[in-house]
Amino acid sequence: MAQHIVKVLAANYITHDVKRFVVEKPAGFQYQSGENVHVAINEAGWECQQRPFSFTSLNEWPYLEFIIKIYDDKDGVTKKLGKTNAGAELILFDVFGSIHYKGPGVFIAGGSGITPFISIFRELFSHGKMDGNKLILSNKSSEDIILPYEIFCMLKSNFINVYTRQGVIGFLDRRIDRRMLIRLIGDFSSNFYVCGPKVFVHEIREYLISLGANSEVIVFDKGA
């Protein structure tokens, strides 16, 4: 298994619990939009604690970018990353992933599950191919949205926010359920891309299939 030790070039919080990391890109390193890589922190006691994170950068960029949700209530890798800043080192292992773009469709994400979609949207937008894509994004509140302005600029009215814990005028305020999908989508013959917590992914897939979506065109993280 190939390993690459890379330096953190920049690290900053972009929401109250989500942090952006810019790191060195190893020579010849390749990946596709939507894919992940196993990452560890290059410090004693942390080198073997690998966690999967999605690339939010594009393959042609000269650096790598990760946007990571930090769980301060758990003594784990993300809590440590919350205290990791520029100058520290990470270890990159194998690149993998099952979320690959297969054509225009509906993207459904829960919270930080949007991260593999960010690189896909950035690639499509850079090539003028955003038409026909829609994002339904579920978060606890407006403060939890990752890169809201950039995503809006790419998707415009096809960026639909759903909030589960905060009433905001002009936005939906409940969990994504079967009835909501019927109202927001209507046509279930398109491609679907789903990412988020395991329970979220399972429920959304079940809803979509029950509404007539072909299971073969529902792209999701097979690890979820």
Protein backbone atom coordinates (compact mmCIF):
# COMPACT_ATOMS: atom_id res chain seq x y z
CA MET A 1 0.00 0.00 0.00
CA ALA A 2 1.49 3.34 -1.08
CA GLN A 3 1.95 5.99 1.60
CA HIS A 4 2.60 9.70 1.17
CA ILE A 5 3.62 12.05 3.96
CA VAL A 6 2.33 15.53 3.19
CA LYS A 7 2.50 18.85 4.99
CA VAL A 8 -0.57 20.85 5.98
CA LEU A 9 -0.30 24.19 4.18
CA ALA A 10 -3.38 25.82 5.71
CA ALA A 11 -6.14 24.90 8.12
CA ASN A 12 -9.14 26.97 9.19
CA TYR A 13 -12.71 26.54 10.40
CA ILE A 14 -15.39 27.37 7.83
CA THR A 15 -18.33 26.60 10.15
CA HIS A 16 -18.49 26.12 13.92
CA ASP A 17 -17.53 22.44 13.58
CA VAL A 18 -16.17 22.00 10.05
CA LYS A 19 -12.54 22.61 9.17
CA ARG A 20 -10.84 23.08 5.79
CA PHE A 21 -7.38 21.63 5.21
CA VAL A 22 -5.09 22.48 2.30
CA VAL A 23 -2.22 20.03 2.02
CA GLU A 24 0.67 19.26 -0.30
CA LYS A 25 -0.06 17.12 -3.34
CA PRO A 26 2.47 14.32 -3.93
CA ALA A 27 4.04 14.15 -7.39
CA GLY A 28 1.96 11.97 -9.69
CA PHE A 29 -0.90 11.66 -7.19
CA GLN A 30 -4.19 10.98 -9.02
CA TYR A 31 -7.86 10.75 -8.03
CA GLN A 32 -11.34 11.38 -9.41
CA SER A 33 -13.94 13.83 -8.17
CA GLY A 34 -16.13 12.12 -5.57
CA GLU A 35 -13.39 9.78 -4.34
CA ASN A 36 -11.88 9.45 -0.85
CA VAL A 37 -8.51 8.69 0.66
CA HIS A 38 -7.54 7.12 3.95
CA VAL A 39 -5.72 9.68 6.08
CA ALA A 40 -3.71 9.49 9.31
CA ILE A 41 -1.92 12.13 11.35
CA ASN A 42 1.87 11.79 11.24
CA GLU A 43 2.43 11.94 15.00
CA ALA A 44 3.41 9.27 17.50
CA GLY A 45 0.35 7.23 18.43
CA TRP A 46 -1.73 8.48 15.51
CA GLU A 47 0.04 7.02 12.45
CA CYS A 48 -2.11 3.88 12.31
CA GLN A 49 -5.46 5.55 12.97
CA GLN A 50 -6.70 5.93 9.42
CA ARG A 51 -9.97 7.66 8.55
CA PRO A 52 -11.59 8.16 5.12
CA PHE A 53 -12.02 11.73 3.90
CA SER A 54 -13.34 13.03 0.59
CA PHE A 55 -11.32 15.21 -1.75
CA THR A 56 -13.01 18.56 -2.25
CA SER A 57 -10.25 19.75 -4.57
CA LEU A 58 -9.98 18.90 -8.26
CA ASN A 59 -7.32 16.54 -9.56
CA GLU A 60 -5.73 19.28 -11.69
CA TRP A 61 -5.19 21.58 -8.71
CA PRO A 62 -1.60 21.82 -7.41
CA TYR A 63 -2.72 21.01 -3.85
CA LEU A 64 -5.23 18.77 -2.08
CA GLU A 65 -8.18 20.05 -0.08
CA PHE A 66 -10.28 18.28 2.53
CA ILE A 67 -13.30 19.66 4.36
CA ILE A 68 -13.76 17.69 7.57
CA LYS A 69 -16.39 17.73 10.28
CA ILE A 70 -14.77 17.91 13.71
CA TYR A 71 -16.29 15.87 16.55
CA ASP A 72 -15.00 17.50 19.73
CA ASP A 73 -17.15 15.28 21.92
CA LYS A 74 -15.24 12.16 20.85
CA ASP A 75 -11.56 11.48 21.59
CA GLY A 76 -10.77 10.47 18.05
CA VAL A 77 -9.02 11.52 14.86
CA THR A 78 -11.27 14.45 14.01
CA LYS A 79 -10.89 15.95 17.49
CA LYS A 80 -7.13 15.75 16.99
CA LEU A 81 -7.51 17.34 13.53
CA GLY A 82 -9.42 20.15 15.17
CA LYS A 83 -6.14 21.05 16.89
CA THR A 84 -3.98 20.36 13.81
CA ASN A 85 -2.73 23.40 11.92
CA ALA A 86 -0.36 24.48 9.16
CA GLY A 87 3.04 22.84 9.43
CA ALA A 88 1.75 19.52 10.73
CA GLU A 89 2.00 16.37 8.61
CA LEU A 90 -0.60 13.89 7.40
CA ILE A 91 -0.16 10.43 5.88
CA LEU A 92 -2.18 9.59 2.76
CA PHE A 93 -2.89 5.95 2.01
CA ASP A 94 -5.12 4.35 -0.64
CA VAL A 95 -7.56 6.31 -2.82
CA PHE A 96 -10.99 4.69 -3.14
CA GLY A 97 -14.66 5.48 -3.57
CA SER A 98 -17.94 4.47 -5.15
CA ILE A 99 -19.40 7.94 -5.76
CA HIS A 100 -18.67 8.72 -9.39
CA TYR A 101 -20.63 11.04 -11.66
CA LYS A 102 -22.75 9.17 -14.20
CA GLY A 103 -24.72 12.06 -15.64
CA PRO A 104 -27.20 14.76 -14.59
CA GLY A 105 -29.37 13.89 -11.61
CA VAL A 106 -30.46 14.65 -8.08
CA PHE A 107 -27.87 14.84 -5.31
CA ILE A 108 -29.18 14.24 -1.79
CA ALA A 109 -26.83 14.88 1.13
CA GLY A 110 -27.03 14.91 4.88
CA GLY A 111 -24.68 17.37 6.62
CA SER A 112 -21.02 16.75 5.82
CA GLY A 113 -22.16 14.06 3.37
CA ILE A 114 -21.99 16.85 0.82
CA THR A 115 -18.18 16.73 0.75
CA PRO A 116 -17.74 14.19 -2.09
CA PHE A 117 -20.29 16.17 -4.10
CA ILE A 118 -18.30 19.41 -3.77
CA SER A 119 -15.49 18.22 -6.05
CA ILE A 120 -18.03 16.83 -8.52
CA PHE A 121 -19.89 20.16 -8.65
CA ARG A 122 -16.64 22.11 -8.97
CA GLU A 123 -15.55 19.95 -11.90
CA LEU A 124 -18.92 20.20 -13.66
CA PHE A 125 -19.09 23.96 -13.08
CA SER A 126 -15.58 24.50 -14.43
CA HIS A 127 -16.65 22.77 -17.66
CA GLY A 128 -20.05 24.45 -17.92
CA LYS A 129 -21.93 21.18 -17.33
CA MET A 130 -24.10 21.97 -14.30
CA ASP A 131 -27.40 21.88 -16.21
CA GLY A 132 -29.78 19.14 -15.11
CA ASN A 133 -28.35 18.72 -11.62
CA LYS A 134 -30.14 19.44 -8.36
CA LEU A 135 -28.96 19.30 -4.73
CA ILE A 136 -31.23 18.59 -1.77
CA LEU A 137 -29.16 19.26 1.35
CA SER A 138 -30.25 18.47 4.90
CA ASN A 139 -28.65 20.20 7.91
CA LYS A 140 -29.62 20.97 11.48
CA SER A 141 -29.62 24.72 10.79
CA SER A 142 -28.36 27.36 8.36
CA GLU A 143 -25.14 27.67 10.41
CA ASP A 144 -24.20 24.09 9.50
CA ILE A 145 -24.16 24.54 5.71
CA ILE A 146 -20.75 23.94 4.15
CA LEU A 147 -19.73 26.50 1.48
CA PRO A 148 -23.29 27.86 1.03
CA TYR A 149 -22.37 30.77 -1.23
CA GLU A 150 -20.17 28.78 -3.58
CA ILE A 151 -22.75 26.02 -3.89
CA PHE A 152 -25.51 28.55 -4.55
CA CYS A 153 -23.41 30.20 -7.27
CA MET A 154 -23.01 26.82 -8.97
CA LEU A 155 -26.57 25.52 -8.61
CA LYS A 156 -28.75 28.64 -8.19
CA SER A 157 -32.41 27.62 -7.69
CA ASN A 158 -31.43 23.93 -7.88
CA PHE A 159 -29.84 24.23 -4.42
CA ILE A 160 -32.56 23.21 -1.95
CA ASN A 161 -31.93 23.45 1.78
CA VAL A 162 -33.80 21.40 4.36
CA TYR A 163 -33.38 22.23 8.05
CA THR A 164 -34.23 19.75 10.79
CA ARG A 165 -33.87 21.80 13.97
CA GLN A 166 -34.28 25.47 13.16
CA GLY A 167 -37.27 27.25 11.69
CA VAL A 168 -36.07 29.63 8.97
CA ILE A 169 -38.59 31.62 6.93
CA GLY A 170 -38.48 30.64 3.28
CA PHE A 171 -36.82 27.27 3.84
CA LEU A 172 -38.08 23.77 4.55
CA ASP A 173 -37.96 22.78 8.21
CA ARG A 174 -38.23 19.03 8.66
CA ARG A 175 -36.43 15.82 7.81
CA ILE A 176 -36.35 14.55 4.25
CA ASP A 177 -39.10 11.97 3.95
CA ARG A 178 -41.02 10.21 1.18
CA ARG A 179 -43.61 12.97 0.83
CA MET A 180 -40.93 15.65 0.55
CA LEU A 181 -39.10 13.71 -2.16
CA ILE A 182 -42.30 13.43 -4.18
CA ARG A 183 -42.80 17.19 -3.95
CA LEU A 184 -39.21 18.17 -4.69
CA ILE A 185 -38.36 15.64 -7.39
CA GLY A 186 -41.49 14.39 -9.14
CA ASP A 187 -39.64 12.42 -11.84
CA PHE A 188 -37.80 9.43 -10.41
CA SER A 189 -36.29 8.20 -13.67
CA SER A 190 -33.09 10.25 -13.32
CA ASN A 191 -29.76 9.47 -11.68
CA PHE A 192 -29.52 9.84 -7.91
CA TYR A 193 -26.48 10.46 -5.72
CA VAL A 194 -26.84 9.97 -1.96
CA CYS A 195 -24.32 10.57 0.81
CA GLY A 196 -24.49 11.15 4.56
CA PRO A 197 -24.79 9.18 7.80
CA LYS A 198 -25.53 5.46 7.38
CA VAL A 199 -29.14 5.71 8.56
CA PHE A 200 -29.74 8.70 6.28
CA VAL A 201 -28.37 6.90 3.21
CA HIS A 202 -30.37 3.75 3.94
CA GLU A 203 -33.64 5.65 4.43
CA ILE A 204 -33.22 7.82 1.33
CA ARG A 205 -32.39 4.79 -0.85
CA GLU A 206 -35.46 2.96 0.42
CA TYR A 207 -37.67 5.99 -0.26
CA LEU A 208 -36.29 6.42 -3.78
CA ILE A 209 -36.69 2.77 -4.71
CA SER A 210 -40.26 2.72 -3.34
CA LEU A 211 -41.02 5.75 -5.52
CA GLY A 212 -39.84 4.02 -8.69
CA ALA A 213 -36.16 4.90 -8.90
CA ASN A 214 -33.98 2.22 -10.46
CA SER A 215 -31.58 0.93 -7.79
CA GLU A 216 -28.87 0.72 -10.46
CA VAL A 217 -28.86 4.52 -10.93
CA ILE A 218 -28.67 5.33 -7.22
CA VAL A 219 -25.02 6.14 -6.55
CA PHE A 220 -24.05 6.05 -2.89
CA ASP A 221 -21.12 5.39 -0.60
CA LYS A 222 -20.93 1.60 -0.38
CA GLY A 223 -19.38 1.97 3.05
CA ALA A 224 -22.51 3.70 4.36
